[in-house]
Amino acid sequence: MSADIGVSLYFRKDCIRFRNRTISELGNPKYVHLFIDSREKLLYIQSCDRDKDAFKLFYRQEKRDEEFYIYAKILMQYLAFVIGVAPDSVSLRFGGVLLDEHTVMIALDEYEEVLSE
C-alpha cells in the first residue's frame, strides 16, 4: 500500500477525503464510482463520467493544498459496518494501490486512526 495514495474516512462528518495523489493518479476526475467488496473488505475507487451512480468530488482549497471530498451519510454508515467500527467512530486513514489509470484499491482492514480532525 502506498502512503501517498489512499483515503481517510471521517465518520462524524459523514465524508471521505481523498489524498491528492489518489485524485491525480486517477486523472483528476470530477466524478468517481465506489465499489465495495464487503466479503474481502475492499473498496475500489474508479474515475468516471457523470451518471446516476457517480459521486461528485468536492474540491476545497485548504491552506497550501486542494482537498477532495465526498459527503455521503448512508455510505459512511455502511462502510463503518463493513470495517467493524461504530458509525460515530474516530476517523481512519487507509493506504491504497493504483490498479490501472482508472482504479484504486483500498484494503478496509488495514488502517490507522487519524489523530486530528
PDB file of N, CA and C in Angstrom:
ATOM      1  N   MET A   1       0.839  -1.183   0.000  1.00  0.00           N
ATOM      2  CA  MET A   1       0.000   0.000   0.000  1.00  0.00           C
ATOM      3  C   MET A   1       0.883   1.246   0.000  1.00  0.00           C
ATOM      4  N   SER A   2       0.500   2.200  -0.787  1.00  0.00           N
ATOM      5  CA  SER A   2       1.251   3.450  -0.867  1.00  0.00           C
ATOM      6  C   SER A   2       0.769   4.436   0.180  1.00  0.00           C
ATOM      7  N   ALA A   3       1.698   5.131   0.806  1.00  0.00           N
ATOM      8  CA  ALA A   3       1.329   6.154   1.786  1.00  0.00           C
ATOM      9  C   ALA A   3       0.773   7.388   1.100  1.00  0.00           C
ATOM     10  N   ASP A   4       1.099   7.567  -0.186  1.00  0.00           N
ATOM     11  CA  ASP A   4       0.643   8.743  -0.914  1.00  0.00           C
ATOM     12  C   ASP A   4      -0.719   8.545  -1.565  1.00  0.00           C
ATOM     13  N   ILE A   5      -1.108   7.305  -1.781  1.00  0.00           N
ATOM     14  CA  ILE A   5      -2.397   7.007  -2.395  1.00  0.00           C
ATOM     15  C   ILE A   5      -3.298   6.449  -1.310  1.00  0.00           C
ATOM     16  N   GLY A   6      -4.512   6.968  -1.219  1.00  0.00           N
ATOM     17  CA  GLY A   6      -5.444   6.451  -0.237  1.00  0.00           C
ATOM     18  C   GLY A   6      -6.535   7.436   0.098  1.00  0.00           C
ATOM     19  N   VAL A   7      -7.257   7.117   1.162  1.00  0.00           N
ATOM     20  CA  VAL A   7      -8.375   7.939   1.613  1.00  0.00           C
ATOM     21  C   VAL A   7      -8.396   7.983   3.133  1.00  0.00           C
ATOM     22  N   SER A   8      -9.150   8.936   3.652  1.00  0.00           N
ATOM     23  CA  SER A   8      -9.467   8.980   5.076  1.00  0.00           C
ATOM     24  C   SER A   8     -10.975   9.016   5.202  1.00  0.00           C
ATOM     25  N   LEU A   9     -11.498   8.260   6.161  1.00  0.00           N
ATOM     26  CA  LEU A   9     -12.930   8.232   6.420  1.00  0.00           C
ATOM     27  C   LEU A   9     -13.204   9.028   7.687  1.00  0.00           C
ATOM     28  N   TYR A  10     -14.015  10.072   7.561  1.00  0.00           N
ATOM     29  CA  TYR A  10     -14.396  10.923   8.681  1.00  0.00           C
ATOM     30  C   TYR A  10     -15.847  10.606   9.026  1.00  0.00           C
ATOM     31  N   PHE A  11     -16.037   9.638   9.922  1.00  0.00           N
ATOM     32  CA  PHE A  11     -17.374   9.150  10.244  1.00  0.00           C
ATOM     33  C   PHE A  11     -18.255  10.221  10.866  1.00  0.00           C
ATOM     34  N   ARG A  12     -17.714  11.047  11.728  1.00  0.00           N
ATOM     35  CA  ARG A  12     -18.509  12.085  12.400  1.00  0.00           C
ATOM     36  C   ARG A  12     -18.892  13.221  11.465  1.00  0.00           C
ATOM     37  N   LYS A  13     -18.193  13.347  10.335  1.00  0.00           N
ATOM     38  CA  LYS A  13     -18.505  14.379   9.347  1.00  0.00           C
ATOM     39  C   LYS A  13     -19.198  13.791   8.117  1.00  0.00           C
ATOM     40  N   ASP A  14     -19.373  12.472   8.120  1.00  0.00           N
ATOM     41  CA  ASP A  14     -20.011  11.767   7.001  1.00  0.00           C
ATOM     42  C   ASP A  14     -19.319  12.028   5.671  1.00  0.00           C
ATOM     43  N   CYS A  15     -17.993  11.997   5.680  1.00  0.00           N
ATOM     44  CA  CYS A  15     -17.292  12.259   4.424  1.00  0.00           C
ATOM     45  C   CYS A  15     -16.054  11.388   4.257  1.00  0.00           C
ATOM     46  N   ILE A  16     -15.680  11.244   2.997  1.00  0.00           N
ATOM     47  CA  ILE A  16     -14.457  10.560   2.594  1.00  0.00           C
ATOM     48  C   ILE A  16     -13.544  11.625   2.014  1.00  0.00           C
ATOM     49  N   ARG A  17     -12.322  11.698   2.522  1.00  0.00           N
ATOM     50  CA  ARG A  17     -11.323  12.620   1.973  1.00  0.00           C
ATOM     51  C   ARG A  17     -10.329  11.794   1.168  1.00  0.00           C
ATOM     52  N   PHE A  18     -10.097  12.218  -0.073  1.00  0.00           N
ATOM     53  CA  PHE A  18      -9.168  11.545  -0.975  1.00  0.00           C
ATOM     54  C   PHE A  18      -7.829  12.249  -0.933  1.00  0.00           C
ATOM     55  N   ARG A  19      -6.756  11.493  -0.838  1.00  0.00           N
ATOM     56  CA  ARG A  19      -5.429  12.101  -0.903  1.00  0.00           C
ATOM     57  C   ARG A  19      -5.208  12.686  -2.293  1.00  0.00           C
ATOM     58  N   ASN A  20      -4.437  13.758  -2.345  1.00  0.00           N
ATOM     59  CA  ASN A  20      -4.200  14.459  -3.607  1.00  0.00           C
ATOM     60  C   ASN A  20      -3.631  13.531  -4.674  1.00  0.00           C
ATOM     61  N   ARG A  21      -2.685  12.685  -4.302  1.00  0.00           N
ATOM     62  CA  ARG A  21      -2.081  11.789  -5.295  1.00  0.00           C
ATOM     63  C   ARG A  21      -3.098  10.780  -5.826  1.00  0.00           C
ATOM     64  N   THR A  22      -4.030  10.366  -4.997  1.00  0.00           N
ATOM     65  CA  THR A  22      -5.083   9.455  -5.441  1.00  0.00           C
ATOM     66  C   THR A  22      -5.859  10.076  -6.596  1.00  0.00           C
ATOM     67  N   ILE A  23      -6.273  11.320  -6.403  1.00  0.00           N
ATOM     68  CA  ILE A  23      -7.039  12.018  -7.432  1.00  0.00           C
ATOM     69  C   ILE A  23      -6.176  12.260  -8.664  1.00  0.00           C
ATOM     70  N   SER A  24      -4.929  12.645  -8.456  1.00  0.00           N
ATOM     71  CA  SER A  24      -4.010  12.881  -9.569  1.00  0.00           C
ATOM     72  C   SER A  24      -3.802  11.622 -10.394  1.00  0.00           C
ATOM     73  N   GLU A  25      -3.576  10.489  -9.737  1.00  0.00           N
ATOM     74  CA  GLU A  25      -3.341   9.225 -10.442  1.00  0.00           C
ATOM     75  C   GLU A  25      -4.577   8.769 -11.211  1.00  0.00           C
ATOM     76  N   LEU A  26      -5.763   9.170 -10.747  1.00  0.00           N
ATOM     77  CA  LEU A  26      -6.998   8.813 -11.441  1.00  0.00           C
ATOM     78  C   LEU A  26      -7.328   9.782 -12.577  1.00  0.00           C
ATOM     79  N   GLY A  27      -6.460  10.770 -12.812  1.00  0.00           N
ATOM     80  CA  GLY A  27      -6.664  11.700 -13.917  1.00  0.00           C
ATOM     81  C   GLY A  27      -7.488  12.924 -13.559  1.00  0.00           C
ATOM     82  N   ASN A  28      -7.528  13.278 -12.269  1.00  0.00           N
ATOM     83  CA  ASN A  28      -8.277  14.450 -11.789  1.00  0.00           C
ATOM     84  C   ASN A  28      -9.742  14.437 -12.217  1.00  0.00           C
ATOM     85  N   PRO A  29     -10.452  13.364 -11.901  1.00  0.00           N
ATOM     86  CA  PRO A  29     -11.857  13.275 -12.329  1.00  0.00           C
ATOM     87  C   PRO A  29     -12.761  14.200 -11.518  1.00  0.00           C
ATOM     88  N   LYS A  30     -13.898  14.518 -12.088  1.00  0.00           N
ATOM     89  CA  LYS A  30     -14.931  15.265 -11.360  1.00  0.00           C
ATOM     90  C   LYS A  30     -15.883  14.309 -10.649  1.00  0.00           C
ATOM     91  N   TYR A  31     -15.928  13.061 -11.135  1.00  0.00           N
ATOM     92  CA  TYR A  31     -16.820  12.050 -10.575  1.00  0.00           C
ATOM     93  C   TYR A  31     -16.066  10.736 -10.389  1.00  0.00           C
ATOM     94  N   VAL A  32     -16.507   9.964  -9.405  1.00  0.00           N
ATOM     95  CA  VAL A  32     -15.945   8.635  -9.176  1.00  0.00           C
ATOM     96  C   VAL A  32     -17.064   7.648  -8.862  1.00  0.00           C
ATOM     97  N   HIS A  33     -16.800   6.398  -9.184  1.00  0.00           N
ATOM     98  CA  HIS A  33     -17.635   5.297  -8.726  1.00  0.00           C
ATOM     99  C   HIS A  33     -16.926   4.650  -7.555  1.00  0.00           C
ATOM    100  N   LEU A  34     -17.681   4.195  -6.586  1.00  0.00           N
ATOM    101  CA  LEU A  34     -17.144   3.456  -5.450  1.00  0.00           C
ATOM    102  C   LEU A  34     -17.776   2.073  -5.453  1.00  0.00           C
ATOM    103  N   PHE A  35     -16.937   1.047  -5.415  1.00  0.00           N
ATOM    104  CA  PHE A  35     -17.391  -0.333  -5.373  1.00  0.00           C
ATOM    105  C   PHE A  35     -16.862  -0.947  -4.077  1.00  0.00           C
ATOM    106  N   ILE A  36     -17.738  -1.576  -3.316  1.00  0.00           N
ATOM    107  CA  ILE A  36     -17.356  -2.160  -2.028  1.00  0.00           C
ATOM    108  C   ILE A  36     -17.509  -3.673  -2.107  1.00  0.00           C
ATOM    109  N   ASP A  37     -16.413  -4.376  -1.838  1.00  0.00           N
ATOM    110  CA  ASP A  37     -16.434  -5.829  -1.718  1.00  0.00           C
ATOM    111  C   ASP A  37     -16.451  -6.113  -0.221  1.00  0.00           C
ATOM    112  N   SER A  38     -17.651  -6.306   0.337  1.00  0.00           N
ATOM    113  CA  SER A  38     -17.783  -6.463   1.791  1.00  0.00           C
ATOM    114  C   SER A  38     -17.181  -7.777   2.289  1.00  0.00           C
ATOM    115  N   ARG A  39     -17.156  -8.795   1.464  1.00  0.00           N
ATOM    116  CA  ARG A  39     -16.590 -10.079   1.870  1.00  0.00           C
ATOM    117  C   ARG A  39     -15.074  -9.976   2.053  1.00  0.00           C
ATOM    118  N   GLU A  40     -14.405  -9.357   1.088  1.00  0.00           N
ATOM    119  CA  GLU A  40     -12.949  -9.216   1.135  1.00  0.00           C
ATOM    120  C   GLU A  40     -12.508  -7.921   1.827  1.00  0.00           C
ATOM    121  N   LYS A  41     -13.460  -7.080   2.195  1.00  0.00           N
ATOM    122  CA  LYS A  41     -13.194  -5.775   2.824  1.00  0.00           C
ATOM    123  C   LYS A  41     -12.285  -4.914   1.945  1.00  0.00           C
ATOM    124  N   LEU A  42     -12.742  -4.720   0.708  1.00  0.00           N
ATOM    125  CA  LEU A  42     -12.017  -3.890  -0.253  1.00  0.00           C
ATOM    126  C   LEU A  42     -12.932  -2.795  -0.776  1.00  0.00           C
ATOM    127  N   LEU A  43     -12.345  -1.633  -1.014  1.00  0.00           N
ATOM    128  CA  LEU A  43     -13.034  -0.510  -1.628  1.00  0.00           C
ATOM    129  C   LEU A  43     -12.298  -0.179  -2.916  1.00  0.00           C
ATOM    130  N   TYR A  44     -13.026  -0.116  -4.021  1.00  0.00           N
ATOM    131  CA  TYR A  44     -12.455   0.264  -5.301  1.00  0.00           C
ATOM    132  C   TYR A  44     -12.967   1.646  -5.666  1.00  0.00           C
ATOM    133  N   ILE A  45     -12.068   2.523  -6.047  1.00  0.00           N
ATOM    134  CA  ILE A  45     -12.401   3.875  -6.475  1.00  0.00           C
ATOM    135  C   ILE A  45     -12.050   3.955  -7.950  1.00  0.00           C
ATOM    136  N   GLN A  46     -13.035   4.347  -8.754  1.00  0.00           N
ATOM    137  CA  GLN A  46     -12.815   4.371 -10.196  1.00  0.00           C
ATOM    138  C   GLN A  46     -13.267   5.718 -10.757  1.00  0.00           C
ATOM    139  N   SER A  47     -12.397   6.355 -11.539  1.00  0.00           N
ATOM    140  CA  SER A  47     -12.773   7.608 -12.179  1.00  0.00           C
ATOM    141  C   SER A  47     -13.851   7.325 -13.219  1.00  0.00           C
ATOM    142  N   CYS A  48     -14.753   8.286 -13.409  1.00  0.00           N
ATOM    143  CA  CYS A  48     -15.851   8.069 -14.345  1.00  0.00           C
ATOM    144  C   CYS A  48     -16.432   9.403 -14.790  1.00  0.00           C
ATOM    145  N   ASP A  49     -17.324   9.327 -15.749  1.00  0.00           N
ATOM    146  CA  ASP A  49     -18.120  10.470 -16.141  1.00  0.00           C
ATOM    147  C   ASP A  49     -19.357  10.515 -15.248  1.00  0.00           C
ATOM    148  N   ARG A  50     -20.070  11.594 -15.339  1.00  0.00           N
ATOM    149  CA  ARG A  50     -21.284  11.741 -14.536  1.00  0.00           C
ATOM    150  C   ARG A  50     -22.338  10.735 -14.991  1.00  0.00           C
ATOM    151  N   ASP A  51     -22.905  10.011 -14.028  1.00  0.00           N
ATOM    152  CA  ASP A  51     -24.051   9.142 -14.269  1.00  0.00           C
ATOM    153  C   ASP A  51     -24.799   8.984 -12.952  1.00  0.00           C
ATOM    154  N   LYS A  52     -25.868   8.209 -12.958  1.00  0.00           N
ATOM    155  CA  LYS A  52     -26.718   8.110 -11.767  1.00  0.00           C
ATOM    156  C   LYS A  52     -26.026   7.447 -10.573  1.00  0.00           C
ATOM    157  N   ASP A  53     -24.961   6.698 -10.795  1.00  0.00           N
ATOM    158  CA  ASP A  53     -24.249   6.016  -9.716  1.00  0.00           C
ATOM    159  C   ASP A  53     -22.965   6.725  -9.292  1.00  0.00           C
ATOM    160  N   ALA A  54     -22.642   7.816  -9.948  1.00  0.00           N
ATOM    161  CA  ALA A  54     -21.378   8.508  -9.684  1.00  0.00           C
ATOM    162  C   ALA A  54     -21.488   9.449  -8.492  1.00  0.00           C
ATOM    163  N   PHE A  55     -20.389   9.576  -7.772  1.00  0.00           N
ATOM    164  CA  PHE A  55     -20.266  10.550  -6.693  1.00  0.00           C
ATOM    165  C   PHE A  55     -19.470  11.738  -7.216  1.00  0.00           C
ATOM    166  N   LYS A  56     -19.985  12.938  -6.996  1.00  0.00           N
ATOM    167  CA  LYS A  56     -19.273  14.144  -7.389  1.00  0.00           C
ATOM    168  C   LYS A  56     -18.213  14.449  -6.337  1.00  0.00           C
ATOM    169  N   LEU A  57     -17.009  14.735  -6.795  1.00  0.00           N
ATOM    170  CA  LEU A  57     -15.937  15.141  -5.890  1.00  0.00           C
ATOM    171  C   LEU A  57     -16.064  16.632  -5.611  1.00  0.00           C
ATOM    172  N   PHE A  58     -15.986  16.990  -4.354  1.00  0.00           N
ATOM    173  CA  PHE A  58     -15.974  18.391  -3.963  1.00  0.00           C
ATOM    174  C   PHE A  58     -14.535  18.796  -3.726  1.00  0.00           C
ATOM    175  N   TYR A  59     -14.134  19.896  -4.324  1.00  0.00           N
ATOM    176  CA  TYR A  59     -12.774  20.405  -4.200  1.00  0.00           C
ATOM    177  C   TYR A  59     -12.803  21.592  -3.261  1.00  0.00           C
ATOM    178  N   ARG A  60     -11.856  21.647  -2.336  1.00  0.00           N
ATOM    179  CA  ARG A  60     -11.776  22.763  -1.405  1.00  0.00           C
ATOM    180  C   ARG A  60     -10.316  23.161  -1.246  1.00  0.00           C
ATOM    181  N   GLN A  61     -10.053  24.439  -1.391  1.00  0.00           N
ATOM    182  CA  GLN A  61      -8.692  24.937  -1.176  1.00  0.00           C
ATOM    183  C   GLN A  61      -8.469  25.042   0.323  1.00  0.00           C
ATOM    184  N   GLU A  62      -7.465  24.373   0.822  1.00  0.00           N
ATOM    185  CA  GLU A  62      -7.174  24.344   2.257  1.00  0.00           C
ATOM    186  C   GLU A  62      -5.697  24.635   2.453  1.00  0.00           C
ATOM    187  N   LYS A  63      -5.403  25.791   2.990  1.00  0.00           N
ATOM    188  CA  LYS A  63      -4.022  26.237   3.206  1.00  0.00           C
ATOM    189  C   LYS A  63      -3.243  26.161   1.898  1.00  0.00           C
ATOM    190  N   ARG A  64      -2.297  25.239   1.788  1.00  0.00           N
ATOM    191  CA  ARG A  64      -1.466  25.136   0.580  1.00  0.00           C
ATOM    192  C   ARG A  64      -2.026  24.183  -0.457  1.00  0.00           C
ATOM    193  N   ASP A  65      -2.905  23.307  -0.056  1.00  0.00           N
ATOM    194  CA  ASP A  65      -3.346  22.228  -0.940  1.00  0.00           C
ATOM    195  C   ASP A  65      -4.839  22.275  -1.212  1.00  0.00           C
ATOM    196  N   GLU A  66      -5.202  21.628  -2.309  1.00  0.00           N
ATOM    197  CA  GLU A  66      -6.609  21.350  -2.546  1.00  0.00           C
ATOM    198  C   GLU A  66      -6.945  20.079  -1.788  1.00  0.00           C
ATOM    199  N   GLU A  67      -8.167  19.986  -1.312  1.00  0.00           N
ATOM    200  CA  GLU A  67      -8.638  18.768  -0.675  1.00  0.00           C
ATOM    201  C   GLU A  67      -9.849  18.285  -1.446  1.00  0.00           C
ATOM    202  N   PHE A  68     -10.019  16.979  -1.513  1.00  0.00           N
ATOM    203  CA  PHE A  68     -11.060  16.360  -2.315  1.00  0.00           C
ATOM    204  C   PHE A  68     -11.936  15.505  -1.416  1.00  0.00           C
ATOM    205  N   TYR A  69     -13.257  15.726  -1.481  1.00  0.00           N
ATOM    206  CA  TYR A  69     -14.193  15.068  -0.578  1.00  0.00           C
ATOM    207  C   TYR A  69     -15.408  14.524  -1.307  1.00  0.00           C
ATOM    208  N   ILE A  70     -16.037  13.537  -0.674  1.00  0.00           N
ATOM    209  CA  ILE A  70     -17.392  13.078  -0.990  1.00  0.00           C
ATOM    210  C   ILE A  70     -18.139  13.106   0.341  1.00  0.00           C
ATOM    211  N   TYR A  71     -19.346  13.630   0.330  1.00  0.00           N
ATOM    212  CA  TYR A  71     -20.202  13.606   1.511  1.00  0.00           C
ATOM    213  C   TYR A  71     -21.321  12.604   1.268  1.00  0.00           C
ATOM    214  N   ALA A  72     -21.447  11.601   2.158  1.00  0.00           N
ATOM    215  CA  ALA A  72     -22.443  10.544   1.957  1.00  0.00           C
ATOM    216  C   ALA A  72     -22.703   9.826   3.279  1.00  0.00           C
ATOM    217  N   LYS A  73     -23.752  10.234   3.969  1.00  0.00           N
ATOM    218  CA  LYS A  73     -24.044   9.690   5.296  1.00  0.00           C
ATOM    219  C   LYS A  73     -24.334   8.183   5.278  1.00  0.00           C
ATOM    220  N   ILE A  74     -25.208   7.741   4.400  1.00  0.00           N
ATOM    221  CA  ILE A  74     -25.576   6.321   4.372  1.00  0.00           C
ATOM    222  C   ILE A  74     -24.381   5.457   3.965  1.00  0.00           C
ATOM    223  N   LEU A  75     -23.604   5.927   2.999  1.00  0.00           N
ATOM    224  CA  LEU A  75     -22.392   5.202   2.601  1.00  0.00           C
ATOM    225  C   LEU A  75     -21.434   5.076   3.780  1.00  0.00           C
ATOM    226  N   MET A  76     -21.255   6.139   4.540  1.00  0.00           N
ATOM    227  CA  MET A  76     -20.336   6.097   5.687  1.00  0.00           C
ATOM    228  C   MET A  76     -20.830   5.118   6.752  1.00  0.00           C
ATOM    229  N   GLN A  77     -22.134   5.050   6.953  1.00  0.00           N
ATOM    230  CA  GLN A  77     -22.680   4.083   7.903  1.00  0.00           C
ATOM    231  C   GLN A  77     -22.414   2.651   7.430  1.00  0.00           C
ATOM    232  N   TYR A  78     -22.571   2.424   6.137  1.00  0.00           N
ATOM    233  CA  TYR A  78     -22.309   1.091   5.592  1.00  0.00           C
ATOM    234  C   TYR A  78     -20.821   0.736   5.687  1.00  0.00           C
ATOM    235  N   LEU A  79     -19.947   1.690   5.374  1.00  0.00           N
ATOM    236  CA  LEU A  79     -18.507   1.436   5.494  1.00  0.00           C
ATOM    237  C   LEU A  79     -18.124   1.117   6.938  1.00  0.00           C
ATOM    238  N   ALA A  80     -18.716   1.814   7.904  1.00  0.00           N
ATOM    239  CA  ALA A  80     -18.450   1.511   9.321  1.00  0.00           C
ATOM    240  C   ALA A  80     -18.842   0.064   9.628  1.00  0.00           C
ATOM    241  N   PHE A  81     -19.985  -0.366   9.110  1.00  0.00           N
ATOM    242  CA  PHE A  81     -20.445  -1.746   9.302  1.00  0.00           C
ATOM    243  C   PHE A  81     -19.456  -2.744   8.689  1.00  0.00           C
ATOM    244  N   VAL A  82     -19.026  -2.495   7.452  1.00  0.00           N
ATOM    245  CA  VAL A  82     -18.099  -3.396   6.758  1.00  0.00           C
ATOM    246  C   VAL A  82     -16.767  -3.481   7.498  1.00  0.00           C
ATOM    247  N   ILE A  83     -16.258  -2.337   7.950  1.00  0.00           N
ATOM    248  CA  ILE A  83     -14.970  -2.304   8.647  1.00  0.00           C
ATOM    249  C   ILE A  83     -15.081  -2.899  10.045  1.00  0.00           C
ATOM    250  N   GLY A  84     -16.257  -2.755  10.663  1.00  0.00           N
ATOM    251  CA  GLY A  84     -16.468  -3.281  12.007  1.00  0.00           C
ATOM    252  C   GLY A  84     -16.222  -2.257  13.097  1.00  0.00           C
ATOM    253  N   VAL A  85     -16.530  -0.989  12.797  1.00  0.00           N
ATOM    254  CA  VAL A  85     -16.398   0.083  13.785  1.00  0.00           C
ATOM    255  C   VAL A  85     -17.760   0.754  13.964  1.00  0.00           C
ATOM    256  N   ALA A  86     -17.894   1.522  15.030  1.00  0.00           N
ATOM    257  CA  ALA A  86     -19.140   2.246  15.283  1.00  0.00           C
ATOM    258  C   ALA A  86     -19.324   3.355  14.243  1.00  0.00           C
ATOM    259  N   PRO A  87     -20.587   3.664  13.877  1.00  0.00           N
ATOM    260  CA  PRO A  87     -20.838   4.714  12.888  1.00  0.00           C
ATOM    261  C   PRO A  87     -20.336   6.097  13.309  1.00  0.00           C
ATOM    262  N   ASP A  88     -20.142   6.318  14.602  1.00  0.00           N
ATOM    263  CA  ASP A  88     -19.603   7.600  15.081  1.00  0.00           C
ATOM    264  C   ASP A  88     -18.147   7.426  15.537  1.00  0.00           C
ATOM    265  N   SER A  89     -17.470   6.480  14.915  1.00  0.00           N
ATOM    266  CA  SER A  89     -16.091   6.135  15.252  1.00  0.00           C
ATOM    267  C   SER A  89     -15.135   7.290  14.995  1.00  0.00           C
ATOM    268  N   VAL A  90     -13.923   7.138  15.517  1.00  0.00           N
ATOM    269  CA  VAL A  90     -12.853   8.076  15.179  1.00  0.00           C
ATOM    270  C   VAL A  90     -12.568   7.942  13.687  1.00  0.00           C
ATOM    271  N   SER A  91     -11.913   8.921  13.127  1.00  0.00           N
ATOM    272  CA  SER A  91     -11.583   8.901  11.710  1.00  0.00           C
ATOM    273  C   SER A  91     -10.439   7.929  11.441  1.00  0.00           C
ATOM    274  N   LEU A  92     -10.470   7.322  10.253  1.00  0.00           N
ATOM    275  CA  LEU A  92      -9.488   6.308   9.890  1.00  0.00           C
ATOM    276  C   LEU A  92      -8.825   6.666   8.572  1.00  0.00           C
ATOM    277  N   ARG A  93      -7.536   6.349   8.456  1.00  0.00           N
ATOM    278  CA  ARG A  93      -6.746   6.614   7.245  1.00  0.00           C
ATOM    279  C   ARG A  93      -6.340   5.278   6.628  1.00  0.00           C
ATOM    280  N   PHE A  94      -6.497   5.184   5.303  1.00  0.00           N
ATOM    281  CA  PHE A  94      -6.209   3.963   4.560  1.00  0.00           C
ATOM    282  C   PHE A  94      -5.243   4.248   3.424  1.00  0.00           C
ATOM    283  N   GLY A  95      -4.289   3.348   3.219  1.00  0.00           N
ATOM    284  CA  GLY A  95      -3.428   3.413   2.044  1.00  0.00           C
ATOM    285  C   GLY A  95      -4.105   2.699   0.892  1.00  0.00           C
ATOM    286  N   GLY A  96      -3.622   2.943  -0.316  1.00  0.00           N
ATOM    287  CA  GLY A  96      -4.232   2.323  -1.476  1.00  0.00           C
ATOM    288  C   GLY A  96      -3.204   1.906  -2.505  1.00  0.00           C
ATOM    289  N   VAL A  97      -3.683   1.194  -3.510  1.00  0.00           N
ATOM    290  CA  VAL A  97      -2.850   0.706  -4.598  1.00  0.00           C
ATOM    291  C   VAL A  97      -3.520   1.098  -5.910  1.00  0.00           C
ATOM    292  N   LEU A  98      -2.743   1.686  -6.816  1.00  0.00           N
ATOM    293  CA  LEU A  98      -3.246   2.012  -8.145  1.00  0.00           C
ATOM    294  C   LEU A  98      -3.254   0.725  -8.971  1.00  0.00           C
ATOM    295  N   LEU A  99      -4.437   0.298  -9.414  1.00  0.00           N
ATOM    296  CA  LEU A  99      -4.545  -0.925 -10.219  1.00  0.00           C
ATOM    297  C   LEU A  99      -4.375  -0.644 -11.698  1.00  0.00           C
ATOM    298  N   ASP A 100      -4.926   0.466 -12.159  1.00  0.00           N
ATOM    299  CA  ASP A 100      -4.755   0.931 -13.535  1.00  0.00           C
ATOM    300  C   ASP A 100      -5.046   2.424 -13.546  1.00  0.00           C
ATOM    301  N   GLU A 101      -5.052   3.057 -14.715  1.00  0.00           N
ATOM    302  CA  GLU A 101      -5.186   4.515 -14.764  1.00  0.00           C
ATOM    303  C   GLU A 101      -6.562   5.013 -14.331  1.00  0.00           C
ATOM    304  N   HIS A 102      -7.501   4.092 -14.087  1.00  0.00           N
ATOM    305  CA  HIS A 102      -8.850   4.486 -13.678  1.00  0.00           C
ATOM    306  C   HIS A 102      -9.270   3.941 -12.316  1.00  0.00           C
ATOM    307  N   THR A 103      -8.450   3.089 -11.690  1.00  0.00           N
ATOM    308  CA  THR A 103      -8.912   2.375 -10.499  1.00  0.00           C
ATOM    309  C   THR A 103      -7.862   2.321  -9.395  1.00  0.00           C
ATOM    310  N   VAL A 104      -8.313   2.639  -8.183  1.00  0.00           N
ATOM    311  CA  VAL A 104      -7.507   2.495  -6.970  1.00  0.00           C
ATOM    312  C   VAL A 104      -8.218   1.498  -6.063  1.00  0.00           C
ATOM    313  N   MET A 105      -7.448   0.621  -5.417  1.00  0.00           N
ATOM    314  CA  MET A 105      -7.988  -0.347  -4.472  1.00  0.00           C
ATOM    315  C   MET A 105      -7.538   0.020  -3.065  1.00  0.00           C
ATOM    316  N   ILE A 106      -8.493  -0.016  -2.123  1.00  0.00           N
ATOM    317  CA  ILE A 106      -8.235   0.273  -0.713  1.00  0.00           C
ATOM    318  C   ILE A 106      -8.591  -0.967   0.100  1.00  0.00           C
ATOM    319  N   ALA A 107      -7.670  -1.462   0.920  1.00  0.00           N
ATOM    320  CA  ALA A 107      -7.953  -2.570   1.832  1.00  0.00           C
ATOM    321  C   ALA A 107      -8.544  -1.983   3.110  1.00  0.00           C
ATOM    322  N   LEU A 108      -9.805  -2.288   3.376  1.00  0.00           N
ATOM    323  CA  LEU A 108     -10.508  -1.689   4.506  1.00  0.00           C
ATOM    324  C   LEU A 108     -10.137  -2.308   5.850  1.00  0.00           C
ATOM    325  N   ASP A 109      -9.312  -3.330   5.850  1.00  0.00           N
ATOM    326  CA  ASP A 109      -8.877  -3.916   7.115  1.00  0.00           C
ATOM    327  C   ASP A 109      -7.458  -3.474   7.496  1.00  0.00           C
ATOM    328  N   GLU A 110      -6.887  -2.551   6.736  1.00  0.00           N
ATOM    329  CA  GLU A 110      -5.553  -2.007   7.032  1.00  0.00           C
ATOM    330  C   GLU A 110      -5.671  -0.490   7.168  1.00  0.00           C
ATOM    331  N   TYR A 111      -5.709  -0.018   8.409  1.00  0.00           N
ATOM    332  CA  TYR A 111      -5.911   1.408   8.634  1.00  0.00           C
ATOM    333  C   TYR A 111      -5.199   1.873   9.893  1.00  0.00           C
ATOM    334  N   GLU A 112      -5.138   3.201  10.020  1.00  0.00           N
ATOM    335  CA  GLU A 112      -4.644   3.819  11.240  1.00  0.00           C
ATOM    336  C   GLU A 112      -5.612   4.932  11.612  1.00  0.00           C
ATOM    337  N   GLU A 113      -5.677   5.255  12.881  1.00  0.00           N
ATOM    338  CA  GLU A 113      -6.566   6.331  13.331  1.00  0.00           C
ATOM    339  C   GLU A 113      -5.982   7.689  12.939  1.00  0.00           C
ATOM    340  N   VAL A 114      -6.854   8.600  12.544  1.00  0.00           N
ATOM    341  CA  VAL A 114      -6.459   9.965  12.250  1.00  0.00           C
ATOM    342  C   VAL A 114      -6.440  10.713  13.582  1.00  0.00           C
ATOM    343  N   LEU A 115      -5.307  11.312  13.908  1.00  0.00           N
ATOM    344  CA  LEU A 115      -5.162  11.937  15.215  1.00  0.00           C
ATOM    345  C   LEU A 115      -5.932  13.244  15.359  1.00  0.00           C
ATOM    346  N   SER A 116      -6.028  14.020  14.289  1.00  0.00           N
ATOM    347  CA  SER A 116      -6.759  15.281  14.385  1.00  0.00           C
ATOM    348  C   SER A 116      -7.759  15.371  13.248  1.00  0.00           C
ATOM    349  N   GLU A 117      -8.876  15.985  13.538  1.00  0.00           N
ATOM    350  CA  GLU A 117      -9.931  16.121  12.520  1.00  0.00           C
ATOM    351  C   GLU A 117     -10.050  17.572  12.177  1.00  0.00           C
TER     352      GLU A 117
END
